[in-house]
Amino acid sequence: MPRMLDVSQDVRAEIGDDEADRLLVGDDTPGSYDCTSCRTPGDSDQERTSTVLFIGDETAVLAFAHATCIPSQVVKVAEDQLQGAVRSITGSEQKNTEGRMPEQAVLGITSGLVLIEDDVRPALVVEPTGPVARPGTDGSGGDEFLQLLLGQGFHPAPDLTALPAPLPGWSVLLAVGQLHAVLQPGSGGGNPVAWWQAHQPLQVTDGWRAAVNKSQTVLVFAAPAGTIGQQPREDLLRDALEKAAVNGVLVAASMPLAGT
């Protein structure tokens, strides 16, 4: 049975008409998948699904997303993002252009407001869609996402009672009221580079924007895949953060706002 799949002209041009047609009739397409945008399950038999093609310098990875989250599109990313630290997109069956089964995860970011020290603070929560290995390894060492972040200067967050320490050189890029990227220092003291970049600018709520304009600082929390999830309300988001903190799997940092 044909699946409810959207394949944009840009994606079709990259993968070819034959592969696009096979996808549209249900070949090479998983019925169920984890959305590469919101990280929650999807079913291409039951709901409209977007094909998202991630392209590096040498590698291409096909992923799937709810059509209500993002449209079908081609996303250009650094090759080391495809080959390195972020290794697998959970629950999907992507193939690269050479037919091998890649292991690729995507960093998901959720914005929310968190009450800390009697003030409402703008926060971002980073959670990959799958285990993360060190660049250049085969992943046999297990999920090292938190260890990698600790090595970059994030600090363990045992609770949500105090503001996280600043992370020098890092910042959060907001432009025209939309979230664009989390920036980290460039190598050798060069210009900042994107540690995370939105496939397309993300809308934030008026309350979040007002809070960040007041503080000029964003609290960035991070946890391993499957820890926080996509929480529909901020009280549930806080509960998930507090549980992660108690379990010792939450790290955090404060970052200045870049942009407006």
C-alpha atoms as a PDB file:
ATOM      1  CA  MET A   1       0.000   0.000   0.000  1.00  0.00           C
ATOM      2  CA  PRO A   2       1.409   3.441  -0.880  1.00  0.00           C
ATOM      3  CA  ARG A   3       2.572   5.305   2.173  1.00  0.00           C
ATOM      4  CA  MET A   4       1.722   8.894   3.097  1.00  0.00           C
ATOM      5  CA  LEU A   5       5.149  10.176   2.112  1.00  0.00           C
ATOM      6  CA  ASP A   6       6.217  13.588   0.859  1.00  0.00           C
ATOM      7  CA  VAL A   7       9.317  13.733  -1.352  1.00  0.00           C
ATOM      8  CA  SER A   8      10.255  17.287  -2.334  1.00  0.00           C
ATOM      9  CA  GLN A   9      11.708  18.138  -5.722  1.00  0.00           C
ATOM     10  CA  ASP A  10      15.035  18.947  -4.067  1.00  0.00           C
ATOM     11  CA  VAL A  11      15.166  15.511  -2.410  1.00  0.00           C
ATOM     12  CA  ARG A  12      14.076  13.824  -5.667  1.00  0.00           C
ATOM     13  CA  ALA A  13      16.837  15.599  -7.559  1.00  0.00           C
ATOM     14  CA  GLU A  14      19.421  14.259  -5.111  1.00  0.00           C
ATOM     15  CA  ILE A  15      18.257  10.648  -4.797  1.00  0.00           C
ATOM     16  CA  GLY A  16      16.966  10.174  -8.351  1.00  0.00           C
ATOM     17  CA  ASP A  17      13.512   9.404  -9.738  1.00  0.00           C
ATOM     18  CA  ASP A  18      13.827   5.619  -9.323  1.00  0.00           C
ATOM     19  CA  GLU A  19      14.633   5.806  -5.601  1.00  0.00           C
ATOM     20  CA  ALA A  20      11.979   8.494  -5.041  1.00  0.00           C
ATOM     21  CA  ASP A  21       9.344   6.335  -6.753  1.00  0.00           C
ATOM     22  CA  ARG A  22      10.341   3.292  -4.677  1.00  0.00           C
ATOM     23  CA  LEU A  23       9.872   5.365  -1.526  1.00  0.00           C
ATOM     24  CA  LEU A  24       6.480   6.616  -2.625  1.00  0.00           C
ATOM     25  CA  VAL A  25       5.118   3.116  -3.255  1.00  0.00           C
ATOM     26  CA  GLY A  26       6.404   1.892   0.101  1.00  0.00           C
ATOM     27  CA  ASP A  27       9.738   0.293  -0.798  1.00  0.00           C
ATOM     28  CA  ASP A  28      12.761   1.290   1.312  1.00  0.00           C
ATOM     29  CA  THR A  29      10.473   3.214   3.677  1.00  0.00           C
ATOM     30  CA  PRO A  30       9.941   2.180   7.306  1.00  0.00           C
ATOM     31  CA  GLY A  31       6.283   2.145   8.279  1.00  0.00           C
ATOM     32  CA  SER A  32       7.239   3.408  11.730  1.00  0.00           C
ATOM     33  CA  TYR A  33      10.083   5.796  12.489  1.00  0.00           C
ATOM     34  CA  ASP A  34      11.328   8.320  15.037  1.00  0.00           C
ATOM     35  CA  CYS A  35      10.807  11.857  13.753  1.00  0.00           C
ATOM     36  CA  THR A  36      14.169  13.490  13.064  1.00  0.00           C
ATOM     37  CA  SER A  37      12.750  16.810  14.269  1.00  0.00           C
ATOM     38  CA  CYS A  38      10.657  16.167  17.413  1.00  0.00           C
ATOM     39  CA  ARG A  39      12.088  12.698  18.220  1.00  0.00           C
ATOM     40  CA  THR A  40       8.647  11.144  18.825  1.00  0.00           C
ATOM     41  CA  PRO A  41       7.360   8.074  16.914  1.00  0.00           C
ATOM     42  CA  GLY A  42       5.691   8.440  13.537  1.00  0.00           C
ATOM     43  CA  ASP A  43       3.936   6.066  11.141  1.00  0.00           C
ATOM     44  CA  SER A  44       4.044   6.685   7.407  1.00  0.00           C
ATOM     45  CA  ASP A  45       1.029   4.360   6.990  1.00  0.00           C
ATOM     46  CA  GLN A  46      -1.121   6.631   9.145  1.00  0.00           C
ATOM     47  CA  GLU A  47       0.184  10.216   8.869  1.00  0.00           C
ATOM     48  CA  ARG A  48       1.886  12.443   6.357  1.00  0.00           C
ATOM     49  CA  THR A  49       5.651  11.980   6.548  1.00  0.00           C
ATOM     50  CA  SER A  50       8.468  14.098   5.152  1.00  0.00           C
ATOM     51  CA  THR A  51      11.668  12.714   3.677  1.00  0.00           C
ATOM     52  CA  VAL A  52      14.671  14.710   4.909  1.00  0.00           C
ATOM     53  CA  LEU A  53      18.016  14.190   3.183  1.00  0.00           C
ATOM     54  CA  PHE A  54      21.110  15.166   5.178  1.00  0.00           C
ATOM     55  CA  ILE A  55      24.097  15.767   2.889  1.00  0.00           C
ATOM     56  CA  GLY A  56      27.743  16.067   3.909  1.00  0.00           C
ATOM     57  CA  ASP A  57      30.805  16.354   1.708  1.00  0.00           C
ATOM     58  CA  GLU A  58      30.863  12.629   0.935  1.00  0.00           C
ATOM     59  CA  THR A  59      27.856  11.096   2.673  1.00  0.00           C
ATOM     60  CA  ALA A  60      24.094  11.414   2.349  1.00  0.00           C
ATOM     61  CA  VAL A  61      21.619  10.114   4.944  1.00  0.00           C
ATOM     62  CA  LEU A  62      17.884   9.838   4.381  1.00  0.00           C
ATOM     63  CA  ALA A  63      15.700  10.398   7.432  1.00  0.00           C
ATOM     64  CA  PHE A  64      11.991  10.789   8.103  1.00  0.00           C
ATOM     65  CA  ALA A  65       9.924  13.365   9.989  1.00  0.00           C
ATOM     66  CA  HIS A  66       6.317  14.254  10.673  1.00  0.00           C
ATOM     67  CA  ALA A  67       5.146  16.544   7.866  1.00  0.00           C
ATOM     68  CA  THR A  68       3.652  18.757  10.584  1.00  0.00           C
ATOM     69  CA  CYS A  69       7.154  19.223  12.066  1.00  0.00           C
ATOM     70  CA  ILE A  70       9.223  19.993   8.970  1.00  0.00           C
ATOM     71  CA  PRO A  71       8.676  19.773   5.215  1.00  0.00           C
ATOM     72  CA  SER A  72      10.572  17.408   2.950  1.00  0.00           C
ATOM     73  CA  GLN A  73      13.912  19.070   2.251  1.00  0.00           C
ATOM     74  CA  VAL A  74      17.640  18.720   1.701  1.00  0.00           C
ATOM     75  CA  VAL A  75      19.790  19.764   4.675  1.00  0.00           C
ATOM     76  CA  LYS A  76      23.504  20.364   4.169  1.00  0.00           C
ATOM     77  CA  VAL A  77      25.630  19.551   7.225  1.00  0.00           C
ATOM     78  CA  ALA A  78      29.312  19.192   7.970  1.00  0.00           C
ATOM     79  CA  GLU A  79      30.715  15.772   7.057  1.00  0.00           C
ATOM     80  CA  ASP A  80      32.006  15.236  10.592  1.00  0.00           C
ATOM     81  CA  GLN A  81      28.428  15.629  11.854  1.00  0.00           C
ATOM     82  CA  LEU A  82      27.399  12.705   9.681  1.00  0.00           C
ATOM     83  CA  GLN A  83      30.473  10.608  10.391  1.00  0.00           C
ATOM     84  CA  GLY A  84      31.512  11.692  13.872  1.00  0.00           C
ATOM     85  CA  ALA A  85      30.069  12.529  17.239  1.00  0.00           C
ATOM     86  CA  VAL A  86      26.406  12.057  16.435  1.00  0.00           C
ATOM     87  CA  ARG A  87      26.086   8.467  15.284  1.00  0.00           C
ATOM     88  CA  SER A  88      22.571   7.110  14.905  1.00  0.00           C
ATOM     89  CA  ILE A  89      19.004   8.134  14.107  1.00  0.00           C
ATOM     90  CA  THR A  90      17.007   5.909  16.409  1.00  0.00           C
ATOM     91  CA  GLY A  91      14.380   3.619  14.943  1.00  0.00           C
ATOM     92  CA  SER A  92      14.818   4.515  11.275  1.00  0.00           C
ATOM     93  CA  GLU A  93      16.331   2.598   8.392  1.00  0.00           C
ATOM     94  CA  GLN A  94      18.191   5.204   6.377  1.00  0.00           C
ATOM     95  CA  LYS A  95      20.683   4.295   3.667  1.00  0.00           C
ATOM     96  CA  ASN A  96      23.426   6.513   2.379  1.00  0.00           C
ATOM     97  CA  THR A  97      24.031   6.916  -1.337  1.00  0.00           C
ATOM     98  CA  GLU A  98      26.373   3.925  -1.353  1.00  0.00           C
ATOM     99  CA  GLY A  99      23.706   1.660   0.149  1.00  0.00           C
ATOM    100  CA  ARG A 100      25.321   1.176   3.565  1.00  0.00           C
ATOM    101  CA  MET A 101      23.307   1.455   6.732  1.00  0.00           C
ATOM    102  CA  PRO A 102      24.572   4.563   8.563  1.00  0.00           C
ATOM    103  CA  GLU A 103      24.423   5.268  12.247  1.00  0.00           C
ATOM    104  CA  GLN A 104      23.373   8.876  12.610  1.00  0.00           C
ATOM    105  CA  ALA A 105      21.707  10.823  15.386  1.00  0.00           C
ATOM    106  CA  VAL A 106      20.364  14.338  15.354  1.00  0.00           C
ATOM    107  CA  LEU A 107      20.560  16.817  18.207  1.00  0.00           C
ATOM    108  CA  GLY A 108      17.063  17.907  19.131  1.00  0.00           C
ATOM    109  CA  ILE A 109      16.445  21.182  20.987  1.00  0.00           C
ATOM    110  CA  THR A 110      13.375  22.177  22.992  1.00  0.00           C
ATOM    111  CA  SER A 111      12.826  25.683  24.359  1.00  0.00           C
ATOM    112  CA  GLY A 112      11.060  26.355  27.639  1.00  0.00           C
ATOM    113  CA  LEU A 113      10.917  28.519  30.737  1.00  0.00           C
ATOM    114  CA  VAL A 114      12.400  27.238  33.993  1.00  0.00           C
ATOM    115  CA  LEU A 115      11.965  28.813  37.435  1.00  0.00           C
ATOM    116  CA  ILE A 116      15.370  29.122  39.137  1.00  0.00           C
ATOM    117  CA  GLU A 117      16.309  31.427  42.013  1.00  0.00           C
ATOM    118  CA  ASP A 118      12.778  32.900  42.066  1.00  0.00           C
ATOM    119  CA  ASP A 119      12.979  34.090  38.464  1.00  0.00           C
ATOM    120  CA  VAL A 120      11.677  32.624  35.211  1.00  0.00           C
ATOM    121  CA  ARG A 121      14.666  31.805  33.011  1.00  0.00           C
ATOM    122  CA  PRO A 122      14.774  31.026  29.276  1.00  0.00           C
ATOM    123  CA  ALA A 123      16.153  27.536  28.723  1.00  0.00           C
ATOM    124  CA  LEU A 124      17.054  25.179  25.910  1.00  0.00           C
ATOM    125  CA  VAL A 125      17.095  21.423  26.407  1.00  0.00           C
ATOM    126  CA  VAL A 126      19.395  19.421  24.120  1.00  0.00           C
ATOM    127  CA  GLU A 127      18.775  15.712  23.637  1.00  0.00           C
ATOM    128  CA  PRO A 128      20.124  13.554  20.798  1.00  0.00           C
ATOM    129  CA  THR A 129      17.875  11.054  19.066  1.00  0.00           C
ATOM    130  CA  GLY A 130      20.285   8.184  19.762  1.00  0.00           C
ATOM    131  CA  PRO A 131      23.527   7.244  21.513  1.00  0.00           C
ATOM    132  CA  VAL A 132      26.535   9.422  20.719  1.00  0.00           C
ATOM    133  CA  ALA A 133      30.043   8.033  20.250  1.00  0.00           C
ATOM    134  CA  ARG A 134      33.367   9.816  20.166  1.00  0.00           C
ATOM    135  CA  PRO A 135      34.453  10.920  16.681  1.00  0.00           C
ATOM    136  CA  GLY A 136      36.470   8.242  14.928  1.00  0.00           C
ATOM    137  CA  THR A 137      35.207   5.360  17.093  1.00  0.00           C
ATOM    138  CA  ASP A 138      32.777   2.577  16.263  1.00  0.00           C
ATOM    139  CA  GLY A 139      30.459   3.315  19.195  1.00  0.00           C
ATOM    140  CA  SER A 140      31.431   0.209  21.154  1.00  0.00           C
ATOM    141  CA  GLY A 141      32.291   2.412  24.142  1.00  0.00           C
ATOM    142  CA  GLY A 142      28.624   3.220  24.681  1.00  0.00           C
ATOM    143  CA  ASP A 143      26.861   6.575  24.807  1.00  0.00           C
ATOM    144  CA  GLU A 144      29.448   9.270  25.544  1.00  0.00           C
ATOM    145  CA  PHE A 145      27.281  12.332  24.946  1.00  0.00           C
ATOM    146  CA  LEU A 146      27.606  13.655  28.498  1.00  0.00           C
ATOM    147  CA  GLN A 147      31.349  12.945  28.650  1.00  0.00           C
ATOM    148  CA  LEU A 148      31.859  14.860  25.413  1.00  0.00           C
ATOM    149  CA  LEU A 149      29.944  17.847  26.791  1.00  0.00           C
ATOM    150  CA  LEU A 150      31.818  17.760  30.095  1.00  0.00           C
ATOM    151  CA  GLY A 151      35.033  17.870  28.081  1.00  0.00           C
ATOM    152  CA  GLN A 152      33.739  20.992  26.324  1.00  0.00           C
ATOM    153  CA  GLY A 153      33.084  22.796  29.594  1.00  0.00           C
ATOM    154  CA  PHE A 154      29.522  21.901  30.575  1.00  0.00           C
ATOM    155  CA  HIS A 155      29.004  21.145  34.273  1.00  0.00           C
ATOM    156  CA  PRO A 156      26.948  18.443  35.998  1.00  0.00           C
ATOM    157  CA  ALA A 157      23.562  19.740  37.160  1.00  0.00           C
ATOM    158  CA  PRO A 158      22.621  17.876  40.357  1.00  0.00           C
ATOM    159  CA  ASP A 159      19.477  19.983  40.794  1.00  0.00           C
ATOM    160  CA  LEU A 160      17.656  23.044  39.443  1.00  0.00           C
ATOM    161  CA  THR A 161      18.178  25.321  42.437  1.00  0.00           C
ATOM    162  CA  ALA A 162      21.104  27.373  41.101  1.00  0.00           C
ATOM    163  CA  LEU A 163      22.037  28.935  37.776  1.00  0.00           C
ATOM    164  CA  PRO A 164      24.514  26.909  35.715  1.00  0.00           C
ATOM    165  CA  ALA A 165      28.023  28.322  35.346  1.00  0.00           C
ATOM    166  CA  PRO A 166      28.803  30.337  32.192  1.00  0.00           C
ATOM    167  CA  LEU A 167      30.518  28.533  29.324  1.00  0.00           C
ATOM    168  CA  PRO A 168      33.129  30.920  27.854  1.00  0.00           C
ATOM    169  CA  GLY A 169      33.007  31.448  24.119  1.00  0.00           C
ATOM    170  CA  TRP A 170      29.609  29.804  23.628  1.00  0.00           C
ATOM    171  CA  SER A 171      26.400  31.689  22.774  1.00  0.00           C
ATOM    172  CA  VAL A 172      22.847  31.226  21.531  1.00  0.00           C
ATOM    173  CA  LEU A 173      21.969  32.911  18.228  1.00  0.00           C
ATOM    174  CA  LEU A 174      18.499  34.429  18.042  1.00  0.00           C
ATOM    175  CA  ALA A 175      17.537  36.518  15.009  1.00  0.00           C
ATOM    176  CA  VAL A 176      14.225  38.277  14.373  1.00  0.00           C
ATOM    177  CA  GLY A 177      12.730  36.391  17.294  1.00  0.00           C
ATOM    178  CA  GLN A 178      13.697  32.952  15.955  1.00  0.00           C
ATOM    179  CA  LEU A 179      16.250  30.446  17.219  1.00  0.00           C
ATOM    180  CA  HIS A 180      19.004  29.804  14.681  1.00  0.00           C
ATOM    181  CA  ALA A 181      21.978  28.138  16.366  1.00  0.00           C
ATOM    182  CA  VAL A 182      24.073  27.371  19.420  1.00  0.00           C
ATOM    183  CA  LEU A 183      27.576  28.651  18.725  1.00  0.00           C
ATOM    184  CA  GLN A 184      30.882  27.372  20.089  1.00  0.00           C
ATOM    185  CA  PRO A 185      34.398  28.850  19.827  1.00  0.00           C
ATOM    186  CA  GLY A 186      36.149  28.304  16.510  1.00  0.00           C
ATOM    187  CA  SER A 187      39.392  26.351  16.391  1.00  0.00           C
ATOM    188  CA  GLY A 188      42.507  28.372  17.092  1.00  0.00           C
ATOM    189  CA  GLY A 189      40.520  31.289  18.435  1.00  0.00           C
ATOM    190  CA  GLY A 190      38.738  31.860  15.118  1.00  0.00           C
ATOM    191  CA  ASN A 191      35.151  32.955  14.560  1.00  0.00           C
ATOM    192  CA  PRO A 192      32.436  31.015  16.398  1.00  0.00           C
ATOM    193  CA  VAL A 193      31.003  27.992  14.593  1.00  0.00           C
ATOM    194  CA  ALA A 194      27.650  26.252  14.942  1.00  0.00           C
ATOM    195  CA  TRP A 195      27.607  23.406  17.457  1.00  0.00           C
ATOM    196  CA  TRP A 196      23.889  22.999  16.705  1.00  0.00           C
ATOM    197  CA  GLN A 197      22.063  24.694  13.850  1.00  0.00           C
ATOM    198  CA  ALA A 198      18.337  24.657  13.098  1.00  0.00           C
ATOM    199  CA  HIS A 199      17.302  23.032   9.824  1.00  0.00           C
ATOM    200  CA  GLN A 200      15.070  26.069   9.570  1.00  0.00           C
ATOM    201  CA  PRO A 201      14.740  28.851  12.172  1.00  0.00           C
ATOM    202  CA  LEU A 202      12.673  27.747  15.164  1.00  0.00           C
ATOM    203  CA  GLN A 203       9.885  29.855  16.587  1.00  0.00           C
ATOM    204  CA  VAL A 204       9.987  30.593  20.323  1.00  0.00           C
ATOM    205  CA  THR A 205       7.102  31.789  22.452  1.00  0.00           C
ATOM    206  CA  ASP A 206       6.546  35.436  23.323  1.00  0.00           C
ATOM    207  CA  GLY A 207       7.210  34.564  26.977  1.00  0.00           C
ATOM    208  CA  TRP A 208      10.534  32.906  26.142  1.00  0.00           C
ATOM    209  CA  ARG A 209      11.587  35.848  23.990  1.00  0.00           C
ATOM    210  CA  ALA A 210      10.622  38.335  26.718  1.00  0.00           C
ATOM    211  CA  ALA A 211      12.604  36.376  29.310  1.00  0.00           C
ATOM    212  CA  VAL A 212      15.727  36.183  27.146  1.00  0.00           C
ATOM    213  CA  ASN A 213      15.521  39.867  26.268  1.00  0.00           C
ATOM    214  CA  LYS A 214      15.436  40.588  29.997  1.00  0.00           C
ATOM    215  CA  SER A 215      18.321  38.338  31.030  1.00  0.00           C
ATOM    216  CA  GLN A 216      20.377  38.297  27.797  1.00  0.00           C
ATOM    217  CA  THR A 217      21.320  34.781  28.945  1.00  0.00           C
ATOM    218  CA  VAL A 218      20.062  31.321  27.994  1.00  0.00           C
ATOM    219  CA  LEU A 219      20.354  28.249  30.219  1.00  0.00           C
ATOM    220  CA  VAL A 220      21.320  25.216  28.140  1.00  0.00           C
ATOM    221  CA  PHE A 221      20.609  21.777  29.619  1.00  0.00           C
ATOM    222  CA  ALA A 222      21.633  18.513  27.968  1.00  0.00           C
ATOM    223  CA  ALA A 223      20.793  14.874  28.643  1.00  0.00           C
ATOM    224  CA  PRO A 224      21.295  11.531  26.858  1.00  0.00           C
ATOM    225  CA  ALA A 225      18.803  10.179  24.332  1.00  0.00           C
ATOM    226  CA  GLY A 226      15.491   9.094  25.834  1.00  0.00           C
ATOM    227  CA  THR A 227      15.918  11.055  29.067  1.00  0.00           C
ATOM    228  CA  ILE A 228      13.717  14.134  28.642  1.00  0.00           C
ATOM    229  CA  GLY A 229      11.518  13.550  25.594  1.00  0.00           C
ATOM    230  CA  GLN A 230       9.129  15.996  23.959  1.00  0.00           C
ATOM    231  CA  GLN A 231       7.129  17.413  26.871  1.00  0.00           C
ATOM    232  CA  PRO A 232       3.905  19.268  25.995  1.00  0.00           C
ATOM    233  CA  ARG A 233       3.933  21.519  29.088  1.00  0.00           C
ATOM    234  CA  GLU A 234       6.667  23.361  30.953  1.00  0.00           C
ATOM    235  CA  ASP A 235       5.748  21.790  34.299  1.00  0.00           C
ATOM    236  CA  LEU A 236       6.292  18.370  32.723  1.00  0.00           C
ATOM    237  CA  LEU A 237       9.548  19.592  31.198  1.00  0.00           C
ATOM    238  CA  ARG A 238      10.751  20.697  34.618  1.00  0.00           C
ATOM    239  CA  ASP A 239       9.744  17.356  36.137  1.00  0.00           C
ATOM    240  CA  ALA A 240      11.763  15.542  33.465  1.00  0.00           C
ATOM    241  CA  LEU A 241      14.772  17.819  34.057  1.00  0.00           C
ATOM    242  CA  GLU A 242      14.604  17.293  37.814  1.00  0.00           C
ATOM    243  CA  LYS A 243      14.415  13.524  37.357  1.00  0.00           C
ATOM    244  CA  ALA A 244      17.457  13.626  35.034  1.00  0.00           C
ATOM    245  CA  ALA A 245      19.332  15.750  37.582  1.00  0.00           C
ATOM    246  CA  VAL A 246      18.571  13.328  40.432  1.00  0.00           C
ATOM    247  CA  ASN A 247      19.723  10.436  38.247  1.00  0.00           C
ATOM    248  CA  GLY A 248      22.997  12.223  37.490  1.00  0.00           C
ATOM    249  CA  VAL A 249      22.436  12.453  33.723  1.00  0.00           C
ATOM    250  CA  LEU A 250      21.968  16.200  33.314  1.00  0.00           C
ATOM    251  CA  VAL A 251      24.626  18.768  32.415  1.00  0.00           C
ATOM    252  CA  ALA A 252      24.166  22.493  31.951  1.00  0.00           C
ATOM    253  CA  ALA A 253      25.743  25.834  31.098  1.00  0.00           C
ATOM    254  CA  SER A 254      24.735  29.487  30.854  1.00  0.00           C
ATOM    255  CA  MET A 255      25.294  31.177  27.507  1.00  0.00           C
ATOM    256  CA  PRO A 256      24.896  34.810  26.457  1.00  0.00           C
ATOM    257  CA  LEU A 257      22.381  35.787  23.810  1.00  0.00           C
ATOM    258  CA  ALA A 258      23.786  36.579  20.395  1.00  0.00           C
ATOM    259  CA  GLY A 259      21.449  38.538  18.138  1.00  0.00           C
ATOM    260  CA  THR A 260      18.010  39.884  18.956  1.00  0.00           C
END
